[in-house]
Structures are given as C-alpha cells and as structure tokens.
C-alpha cells in the first residue's frame, strides 16, 4: 500500500511550482489532498491531475474571511484537521529597502509569515487534542542568509524559521510533529521576468527543481511516528 494511504493533507500555494509538485507527490503516495491557493483555474487543473483524492479550495491566506471558509471546507472534507499541513504559499519580490513601499513590505510579511501562522492556528488545537499531525513549513535559504534586495522576503523567512523552532519546542512529546524544509533557489515561475546568473541569484539551470523539495517533504512525513525530522536544508550539489 502507498505510504500515506488513509492520511489527509493540506498544501497551501498548491496551484503551481513547489506546492503543486508537493500535492502531486502526496497524492501519488496515497494521501487525500486539499489544495489551497488563490488561482482557481490553475488550482483546479492540478487537482484534476491528481484525481479523485484531491480537492481544490480557493482562498487568499491573507483574507481572514476566505481563510475561515477554506478551513471549514477542509475540516468538513476530512472530518477533522488534516494529518499533514504543508505551509508553502509565499510571495517573492526583489527590491532594495529604500525603493520598497511600506505597503509592499507589509504584503510580503502578511503572505509569507502571518498567513502560515493563521493556517497553523486554525488546526493546531485539534491536532494536539488528537495527539497526531505533522506541520511542514517550506522555508528558504533566505531564512538563514541575507541577499541584497531580499529585505522583506528574508525578514519573513527568518520569522518563519523562528516560528517553526518555537512550534517544535512546544509540540515535543505531543504526538504532533513539525519540520522545516529550507531549499536554495528552486526553478519555478517565481523567477519569470528576472535577469538571473552572474549576480546574487543563480541561473535557472543551476537551481533545484520542485520535485526535489517534494521528495524532502515525503521523506519527513513518511518517517516513523516516533521520529521528528526537525529541519532539512537543500542545495544544488
């Protein structure tokens, strides 16, 4: 039987790139998967690729009403909190701090830090009460290393690493596991429009692929319940 048969999973930012590939691989390993993102058409396409075990839930994580509605839909579909949450949704923009507006900075923090916290906050109590669950956070090399033009993104990713570490400490012994997966640059649509290579960021041909990140998620969630994979850092060899 597939390793995740009977398990349920929620993947945010699942309409494309890393999130879509994580959803595909979780579904391919037997999990029922709820895909959450803002883009209805792309989300429905990926859910259709996975098949009848996948459901598409359209919502913006930064919109309180939409997220509450999405949580209700996921809870109803799964008859409770998901077994696995993969907090992957994110927003990436390169801009120097002196050229970035307060509004743009706040949007990056809201999407990359407050949104993931909001998802966790909706389900964590139910996971604790049940005594099982796994919260996987997709971080970045930018959660440890700073790059020019990454002021808002790094601030959010440093924050999400801090939140993961506190979450792991608070959940130890509860039966609920927490994993941070921090890849270096990944070749996705996120980089469309950027002039890469020769600067702070590698050429797309030198980046990781989405499947590598998805396999890291599978490794963490398929480990024995007695094992917590605290953190995985991924880079090109």
C-alpha atoms as a PDB file:
ATOM      1  CA  UNK A   1       0.000   0.000   0.000  1.00  0.00           C
ATOM      2  CA  UNK A   2       1.189   3.584  -0.624  1.00  0.00           C
ATOM      3  CA  UNK A   3       2.983   5.010   2.402  1.00  0.00           C
ATOM      4  CA  UNK A   4       0.367   7.687   3.089  1.00  0.00           C
ATOM      5  CA  UNK A   5      -2.742   5.642   2.454  1.00  0.00           C
ATOM      6  CA  UNK A   6      -5.558   6.855   4.716  1.00  0.00           C
ATOM      7  CA  UNK A   7      -3.788  10.130   5.533  1.00  0.00           C
ATOM      8  CA  UNK A   8      -5.093  13.591   4.707  1.00  0.00           C
ATOM      9  CA  UNK A   9      -3.008  16.611   3.739  1.00  0.00           C
ATOM     10  CA  UNK A  10      -3.479  20.325   3.179  1.00  0.00           C
ATOM     11  CA  UNK A  11      -0.999  22.073   0.876  1.00  0.00           C
ATOM     12  CA  UNK A  12      -1.062  25.861   0.547  1.00  0.00           C
ATOM     13  CA  UNK A  13       0.185  27.628  -2.555  1.00  0.00           C
ATOM     14  CA  UNK A  14      -0.650  24.445  -4.446  1.00  0.00           C
ATOM     15  CA  UNK A  15      -1.640  25.889  -7.813  1.00  0.00           C
ATOM     16  CA  UNK A  16       1.861  25.850  -9.300  1.00  0.00           C
ATOM     17  CA  UNK A  17       5.567  25.314  -8.681  1.00  0.00           C
ATOM     18  CA  UNK A  18       6.700  23.703  -5.449  1.00  0.00           C
ATOM     19  CA  UNK A  19       3.225  23.491  -3.915  1.00  0.00           C
ATOM     20  CA  UNK A  20       1.701  21.783  -6.950  1.00  0.00           C
ATOM     21  CA  UNK A  21       4.501  19.206  -7.013  1.00  0.00           C
ATOM     22  CA  UNK A  22       4.185  18.532  -3.277  1.00  0.00           C
ATOM     23  CA  UNK A  23       0.451  17.965  -3.728  1.00  0.00           C
ATOM     24  CA  UNK A  24       1.049  15.614  -6.667  1.00  0.00           C
ATOM     25  CA  UNK A  25       3.577  13.534  -4.748  1.00  0.00           C
ATOM     26  CA  UNK A  26       1.491  13.363  -1.579  1.00  0.00           C
ATOM     27  CA  UNK A  27      -1.489  12.256  -3.663  1.00  0.00           C
ATOM     28  CA  UNK A  28       0.686   9.764  -5.534  1.00  0.00           C
ATOM     29  CA  UNK A  29       1.715   8.234  -2.210  1.00  0.00           C
ATOM     30  CA  UNK A  30      -1.855   7.641  -1.144  1.00  0.00           C
ATOM     31  CA  UNK A  31      -2.909  10.783   0.726  1.00  0.00           C
ATOM     32  CA  UNK A  32      -6.172  12.659   0.208  1.00  0.00           C
ATOM     33  CA  UNK A  33      -5.021  16.178  -0.576  1.00  0.00           C
ATOM     34  CA  UNK A  34      -6.695  19.569  -0.210  1.00  0.00           C
ATOM     35  CA  UNK A  35      -5.009  22.100  -2.475  1.00  0.00           C
ATOM     36  CA  UNK A  36      -5.341  25.725  -1.393  1.00  0.00           C
ATOM     37  CA  UNK A  37      -4.419  28.790  -3.446  1.00  0.00           C
ATOM     38  CA  UNK A  38      -5.848  31.997  -4.882  1.00  0.00           C
ATOM     39  CA  UNK A  39      -5.787  30.937  -8.545  1.00  0.00           C
ATOM     40  CA  UNK A  40      -8.962  28.975  -9.272  1.00  0.00           C
ATOM     41  CA  UNK A  41      -8.136  27.753 -12.799  1.00  0.00           C
ATOM     42  CA  UNK A  42      -4.595  26.592 -12.023  1.00  0.00           C
ATOM     43  CA  UNK A  43      -5.730  25.009  -8.771  1.00  0.00           C
ATOM     44  CA  UNK A  44      -8.497  23.037 -10.471  1.00  0.00           C
ATOM     45  CA  UNK A  45      -6.079  21.852 -13.163  1.00  0.00           C
ATOM     46  CA  UNK A  46      -3.588  20.468 -10.637  1.00  0.00           C
ATOM     47  CA  UNK A  47      -6.375  18.841  -8.592  1.00  0.00           C
ATOM     48  CA  UNK A  48      -7.674  17.174 -11.769  1.00  0.00           C
ATOM     49  CA  UNK A  49      -4.184  15.834 -12.500  1.00  0.00           C
ATOM     50  CA  UNK A  50      -4.076  14.204  -9.063  1.00  0.00           C
ATOM     51  CA  UNK A  51      -7.556  12.720  -9.407  1.00  0.00           C
ATOM     52  CA  UNK A  52     -10.487  11.980  -7.151  1.00  0.00           C
ATOM     53  CA  UNK A  53      -8.359  12.056  -3.987  1.00  0.00           C
ATOM     54  CA  UNK A  54      -7.754  15.801  -4.425  1.00  0.00           C
ATOM     55  CA  UNK A  55      -9.979  18.772  -3.701  1.00  0.00           C
ATOM     56  CA  UNK A  56      -9.398  22.385  -4.733  1.00  0.00           C
ATOM     57  CA  UNK A  57     -10.056  25.112  -2.151  1.00  0.00           C
ATOM     58  CA  UNK A  58      -9.772  28.682  -3.418  1.00  0.00           C
ATOM     59  CA  UNK A  59      -8.718  31.227  -0.793  1.00  0.00           C
ATOM     60  CA  UNK A  60      -6.283  34.036  -0.068  1.00  0.00           C
ATOM     61  CA  UNK A  61      -4.451  33.280   3.182  1.00  0.00           C
ATOM     62  CA  UNK A  62      -4.258  36.974   3.995  1.00  0.00           C
ATOM     63  CA  UNK A  63      -8.046  37.336   3.829  1.00  0.00           C
ATOM     64  CA  UNK A  64      -9.499  36.326   7.198  1.00  0.00           C
ATOM     65  CA  UNK A  65     -12.978  35.516   5.887  1.00  0.00           C
ATOM     66  CA  UNK A  66     -11.683  33.477   2.944  1.00  0.00           C
ATOM     67  CA  UNK A  67      -9.299  31.513   5.132  1.00  0.00           C
ATOM     68  CA  UNK A  68     -12.016  30.743   7.688  1.00  0.00           C
ATOM     69  CA  UNK A  69     -14.262  29.473   4.894  1.00  0.00           C
ATOM     70  CA  UNK A  70     -11.417  27.361   3.488  1.00  0.00           C
ATOM     71  CA  UNK A  71     -10.687  25.867   6.921  1.00  0.00           C
ATOM     72  CA  UNK A  72     -14.358  24.922   7.288  1.00  0.00           C
ATOM     73  CA  UNK A  73     -14.332  23.249   3.853  1.00  0.00           C
ATOM     74  CA  UNK A  74     -11.156  21.280   4.603  1.00  0.00           C
ATOM     75  CA  UNK A  75     -12.393  20.224   8.041  1.00  0.00           C
ATOM     76  CA  UNK A  76     -15.678  19.005   6.574  1.00  0.00           C
ATOM     77  CA  UNK A  77     -13.976  17.130   3.731  1.00  0.00           C
ATOM     78  CA  UNK A  78     -11.511  15.421   6.075  1.00  0.00           C
ATOM     79  CA  UNK A  79     -13.857  15.045   9.042  1.00  0.00           C
ATOM     80  CA  UNK A  80     -11.395  16.945  11.188  1.00  0.00           C
ATOM     81  CA  UNK A  81      -7.975  18.565  10.985  1.00  0.00           C
ATOM     82  CA  UNK A  82      -5.638  17.275   8.272  1.00  0.00           C
ATOM     83  CA  UNK A  83      -2.974  14.754   9.230  1.00  0.00           C
ATOM     84  CA  UNK A  84      -0.402  16.836   7.345  1.00  0.00           C
ATOM     85  CA  UNK A  85      -0.201  20.574   6.733  1.00  0.00           C
ATOM     86  CA  UNK A  86       2.361  21.892   4.253  1.00  0.00           C
ATOM     87  CA  UNK A  87       2.691  25.653   4.587  1.00  0.00           C
ATOM     88  CA  UNK A  88       4.143  26.510   1.191  1.00  0.00           C
ATOM     89  CA  UNK A  89       2.287  29.615  -0.034  1.00  0.00           C
ATOM     90  CA  UNK A  90       4.589  32.578  -0.465  1.00  0.00           C
ATOM     91  CA  UNK A  91       5.266  35.837  -2.247  1.00  0.00           C
ATOM     92  CA  UNK A  92       8.678  36.804  -3.621  1.00  0.00           C
ATOM     93  CA  UNK A  93       9.815  40.195  -4.878  1.00  0.00           C
ATOM     94  CA  UNK A  94      13.316  41.617  -5.205  1.00  0.00           C
ATOM     95  CA  UNK A  95      13.620  45.274  -4.245  1.00  0.00           C
ATOM     96  CA  UNK A  96      16.042  47.342  -2.206  1.00  0.00           C
ATOM     97  CA  UNK A  97      14.702  48.578   1.091  1.00  0.00           C
ATOM     98  CA  UNK A  98      14.961  52.221   0.031  1.00  0.00           C
ATOM     99  CA  UNK A  99      12.796  51.539  -3.032  1.00  0.00           C
ATOM    100  CA  UNK A 100      10.157  49.361  -1.333  1.00  0.00           C
ATOM    101  CA  UNK A 101       6.915  50.840  -0.073  1.00  0.00           C
ATOM    102  CA  UNK A 102       5.593  50.119   3.395  1.00  0.00           C
ATOM    103  CA  UNK A 103       2.566  48.511   1.737  1.00  0.00           C
ATOM    104  CA  UNK A 104       4.704  46.124  -0.318  1.00  0.00           C
ATOM    105  CA  UNK A 105       6.806  45.183   2.728  1.00  0.00           C
ATOM    106  CA  UNK A 106       3.654  44.518   4.744  1.00  0.00           C
ATOM    107  CA  UNK A 107       2.197  42.370   1.945  1.00  0.00           C
ATOM    108  CA  UNK A 108       5.316  40.184   1.922  1.00  0.00           C
ATOM    109  CA  UNK A 109       5.155  39.716   5.697  1.00  0.00           C
ATOM    110  CA  UNK A 110       1.418  39.001   5.571  1.00  0.00           C
ATOM    111  CA  UNK A 111       1.758  36.337   2.877  1.00  0.00           C
ATOM    112  CA  UNK A 112       4.997  34.676   3.983  1.00  0.00           C
ATOM    113  CA  UNK A 113       4.688  34.826   7.769  1.00  0.00           C
ATOM    114  CA  UNK A 114       1.250  35.795   9.054  1.00  0.00           C
ATOM    115  CA  UNK A 115      -0.562  33.549   6.538  1.00  0.00           C
ATOM    116  CA  UNK A 116       1.291  30.377   7.572  1.00  0.00           C
ATOM    117  CA  UNK A 117       0.706  31.215  11.239  1.00  0.00           C
ATOM    118  CA  UNK A 118      -3.007  31.677  10.553  1.00  0.00           C
ATOM    119  CA  UNK A 119      -3.239  28.241   8.919  1.00  0.00           C
ATOM    120  CA  UNK A 120      -1.481  26.590  11.860  1.00  0.00           C
ATOM    121  CA  UNK A 121      -3.592  28.463  14.412  1.00  0.00           C
ATOM    122  CA  UNK A 122      -6.820  27.140  12.889  1.00  0.00           C
ATOM    123  CA  UNK A 123      -5.825  23.472  13.168  1.00  0.00           C
ATOM    124  CA  UNK A 124      -3.245  23.174  15.944  1.00  0.00           C
ATOM    125  CA  UNK A 125      -5.605  22.679  18.883  1.00  0.00           C
ATOM    126  CA  UNK A 126      -7.423  19.850  17.101  1.00  0.00           C
ATOM    127  CA  UNK A 127      -4.114  18.187  16.245  1.00  0.00           C
ATOM    128  CA  UNK A 128      -2.966  18.442  19.866  1.00  0.00           C
ATOM    129  CA  UNK A 129      -6.229  17.004  21.130  1.00  0.00           C
ATOM    130  CA  UNK A 130      -5.984  14.154  18.648  1.00  0.00           C
ATOM    131  CA  UNK A 131      -2.347  13.543  19.557  1.00  0.00           C
ATOM    132  CA  UNK A 132      -1.117  13.364  15.965  1.00  0.00           C
ATOM    133  CA  UNK A 133      -0.348  15.516  12.954  1.00  0.00           C
ATOM    134  CA  UNK A 134       2.569  16.938  11.037  1.00  0.00           C
ATOM    135  CA  UNK A 135       3.186  20.604  10.196  1.00  0.00           C
ATOM    136  CA  UNK A 136       5.707  21.086   7.405  1.00  0.00           C
ATOM    137  CA  UNK A 137       6.954  24.608   6.758  1.00  0.00           C
ATOM    138  CA  UNK A 138       8.673  25.448   3.477  1.00  0.00           C
ATOM    139  CA  UNK A 139      11.392  27.912   4.340  1.00  0.00           C
ATOM    140  CA  UNK A 140      14.258  29.088   2.160  1.00  0.00           C
ATOM    141  CA  UNK A 141      17.998  29.641   2.110  1.00  0.00           C
ATOM    142  CA  UNK A 142      16.854  33.191   2.884  1.00  0.00           C
ATOM    143  CA  UNK A 143      15.751  32.062   6.348  1.00  0.00           C
ATOM    144  CA  UNK A 144      19.445  31.957   7.312  1.00  0.00           C
ATOM    145  CA  UNK A 145      21.302  34.017   4.705  1.00  0.00           C
ATOM    146  CA  UNK A 146      20.672  37.573   3.541  1.00  0.00           C
ATOM    147  CA  UNK A 147      20.911  38.858  -0.017  1.00  0.00           C
ATOM    148  CA  UNK A 148      20.649  42.428  -1.342  1.00  0.00           C
ATOM    149  CA  UNK A 149      17.103  43.083  -2.491  1.00  0.00           C
ATOM    150  CA  UNK A 150      15.701  40.474  -0.101  1.00  0.00           C
ATOM    151  CA  UNK A 151      14.878  42.697   2.873  1.00  0.00           C
ATOM    152  CA  UNK A 152      11.178  41.862   3.121  1.00  0.00           C
ATOM    153  CA  UNK A 153      11.486  38.239   1.987  1.00  0.00           C
ATOM    154  CA  UNK A 154      14.334  37.460   4.380  1.00  0.00           C
ATOM    155  CA  UNK A 155      12.538  39.205   7.242  1.00  0.00           C
ATOM    156  CA  UNK A 156       9.556  36.925   6.660  1.00  0.00           C
ATOM    157  CA  UNK A 157      11.620  33.774   6.205  1.00  0.00           C
ATOM    158  CA  UNK A 158      13.786  34.439   9.269  1.00  0.00           C
ATOM    159  CA  UNK A 159      10.494  34.873  11.102  1.00  0.00           C
ATOM    160  CA  UNK A 160       9.024  31.632   9.806  1.00  0.00           C
ATOM    161  CA  UNK A 161      12.151  29.743  10.910  1.00  0.00           C
ATOM    162  CA  UNK A 162      11.764  31.253  14.363  1.00  0.00           C
ATOM    163  CA  UNK A 163       8.099  30.275  14.443  1.00  0.00           C
ATOM    164  CA  UNK A 164       8.979  26.714  13.414  1.00  0.00           C
ATOM    165  CA  UNK A 165      11.578  26.399  16.174  1.00  0.00           C
ATOM    166  CA  UNK A 166       9.111  27.574  18.819  1.00  0.00           C
ATOM    167  CA  UNK A 167       6.435  25.283  17.369  1.00  0.00           C
ATOM    168  CA  UNK A 168       8.783  22.310  17.508  1.00  0.00           C
ATOM    169  CA  UNK A 169       9.673  23.081  21.143  1.00  0.00           C
ATOM    170  CA  UNK A 170       6.033  23.471  22.138  1.00  0.00           C
ATOM    171  CA  UNK A 171       4.930  20.292  20.363  1.00  0.00           C
ATOM    172  CA  UNK A 172       7.665  17.956  21.564  1.00  0.00           C
ATOM    173  CA  UNK A 173       6.059  14.917  23.174  1.00  0.00           C
ATOM    174  CA  UNK A 174       2.554  15.864  21.987  1.00  0.00           C
ATOM    175  CA  UNK A 175       2.441  13.438  19.050  1.00  0.00           C
ATOM    176  CA  UNK A 176       2.315  16.388  16.627  1.00  0.00           C
ATOM    177  CA  UNK A 177       5.466  16.775  14.561  1.00  0.00           C
ATOM    178  CA  UNK A 178       6.998  19.868  12.947  1.00  0.00           C
ATOM    179  CA  UNK A 179       9.515  20.058  10.102  1.00  0.00           C
ATOM    180  CA  UNK A 180      11.219  22.991   8.380  1.00  0.00           C
ATOM    181  CA  UNK A 181      12.438  22.403   4.827  1.00  0.00           C
ATOM    182  CA  UNK A 182      14.699  25.181   3.535  1.00  0.00           C
ATOM    183  CA  UNK A 183      15.700  24.899  -0.132  1.00  0.00           C
ATOM    184  CA  UNK A 184      18.056  27.154  -2.019  1.00  0.00           C
ATOM    185  CA  UNK A 185      16.654  28.715  -5.203  1.00  0.00           C
ATOM    186  CA  UNK A 186      14.124  26.472  -6.991  1.00  0.00           C
ATOM    187  CA  UNK A 187      13.358  26.718 -10.712  1.00  0.00           C
ATOM    188  CA  UNK A 188       9.702  27.810 -10.792  1.00  0.00           C
ATOM    189  CA  UNK A 189       7.577  30.536 -12.390  1.00  0.00           C
ATOM    190  CA  UNK A 190       8.555  32.731  -9.441  1.00  0.00           C
ATOM    191  CA  UNK A 191      11.679  33.733 -11.371  1.00  0.00           C
ATOM    192  CA  UNK A 192       9.890  34.735 -14.593  1.00  0.00           C
ATOM    193  CA  UNK A 193      10.960  38.240 -15.567  1.00  0.00           C
ATOM    194  CA  UNK A 194      14.152  38.301 -13.505  1.00  0.00           C
ATOM    195  CA  UNK A 195      17.584  38.614 -15.118  1.00  0.00           C
ATOM    196  CA  UNK A 196      19.478  35.804 -13.416  1.00  0.00           C
ATOM    197  CA  UNK A 197      23.025  34.496 -13.401  1.00  0.00           C
ATOM    198  CA  UNK A 198      26.166  36.408 -12.561  1.00  0.00           C
ATOM    199  CA  UNK A 199      24.595  38.196  -9.584  1.00  0.00           C
ATOM    200  CA  UNK A 200      23.159  37.254  -6.217  1.00  0.00           C
ATOM    201  CA  UNK A 201      20.935  34.531  -7.679  1.00  0.00           C
ATOM    202  CA  UNK A 202      21.982  31.571  -9.865  1.00  0.00           C
ATOM    203  CA  UNK A 203      20.813  30.881 -13.390  1.00  0.00           C
ATOM    204  CA  UNK A 204      17.669  28.768 -13.522  1.00  0.00           C
ATOM    205  CA  UNK A 205      19.647  25.849 -14.943  1.00  0.00           C
ATOM    206  CA  UNK A 206      21.646  25.828 -11.695  1.00  0.00           C
ATOM    207  CA  UNK A 207      18.624  25.776  -9.379  1.00  0.00           C
ATOM    208  CA  UNK A 208      16.903  22.896  -7.624  1.00  0.00           C
ATOM    209  CA  UNK A 209      13.738  21.502  -9.159  1.00  0.00           C
ATOM    210  CA  UNK A 210      10.352  21.333  -7.437  1.00  0.00           C
ATOM    211  CA  UNK A 211      10.431  17.537  -7.314  1.00  0.00           C
ATOM    212  CA  UNK A 212      13.492  17.625  -5.038  1.00  0.00           C
ATOM    213  CA  UNK A 213      11.626  19.730  -2.488  1.00  0.00           C
ATOM    214  CA  UNK A 214       8.556  17.488  -2.742  1.00  0.00           C
ATOM    215  CA  UNK A 215      10.694  14.397  -2.104  1.00  0.00           C
ATOM    216  CA  UNK A 216      12.094  16.057   1.017  1.00  0.00           C
ATOM    217  CA  UNK A 217       8.537  16.604   2.252  1.00  0.00           C
ATOM    218  CA  UNK A 218       7.733  12.942   1.610  1.00  0.00           C
ATOM    219  CA  UNK A 219      10.843  11.855   3.499  1.00  0.00           C
ATOM    220  CA  UNK A 220       9.805  13.859   6.548  1.00  0.00           C
ATOM    221  CA  UNK A 221       6.140  12.856   6.653  1.00  0.00           C
ATOM    222  CA  UNK A 222       6.741   9.160   5.903  1.00  0.00           C
ATOM    223  CA  UNK A 223       9.206   8.717   8.755  1.00  0.00           C
ATOM    224  CA  UNK A 224       8.027   6.647  11.717  1.00  0.00           C
ATOM    225  CA  UNK A 225       5.761   8.496  14.150  1.00  0.00           C
ATOM    226  CA  UNK A 226       8.500   8.243  16.767  1.00  0.00           C
ATOM    227  CA  UNK A 227      10.889  10.268  14.559  1.00  0.00           C
ATOM    228  CA  UNK A 228      10.719  14.029  14.040  1.00  0.00           C
ATOM    229  CA  UNK A 229      12.718  15.428  11.142  1.00  0.00           C
ATOM    230  CA  UNK A 230      13.440  18.834  12.660  1.00  0.00           C
ATOM    231  CA  UNK A 231      14.959  20.548   9.652  1.00  0.00           C
ATOM    232  CA  UNK A 232      16.205  19.817   6.137  1.00  0.00           C
ATOM    233  CA  UNK A 233      18.360  22.237   4.132  1.00  0.00           C
ATOM    234  CA  UNK A 234      18.547  21.612   0.396  1.00  0.00           C
ATOM    235  CA  UNK A 235      21.021  22.959  -2.171  1.00  0.00           C
ATOM    236  CA  UNK A 236      22.452  22.006  -5.543  1.00  0.00           C
ATOM    237  CA  UNK A 237      25.475  19.719  -5.391  1.00  0.00           C
END
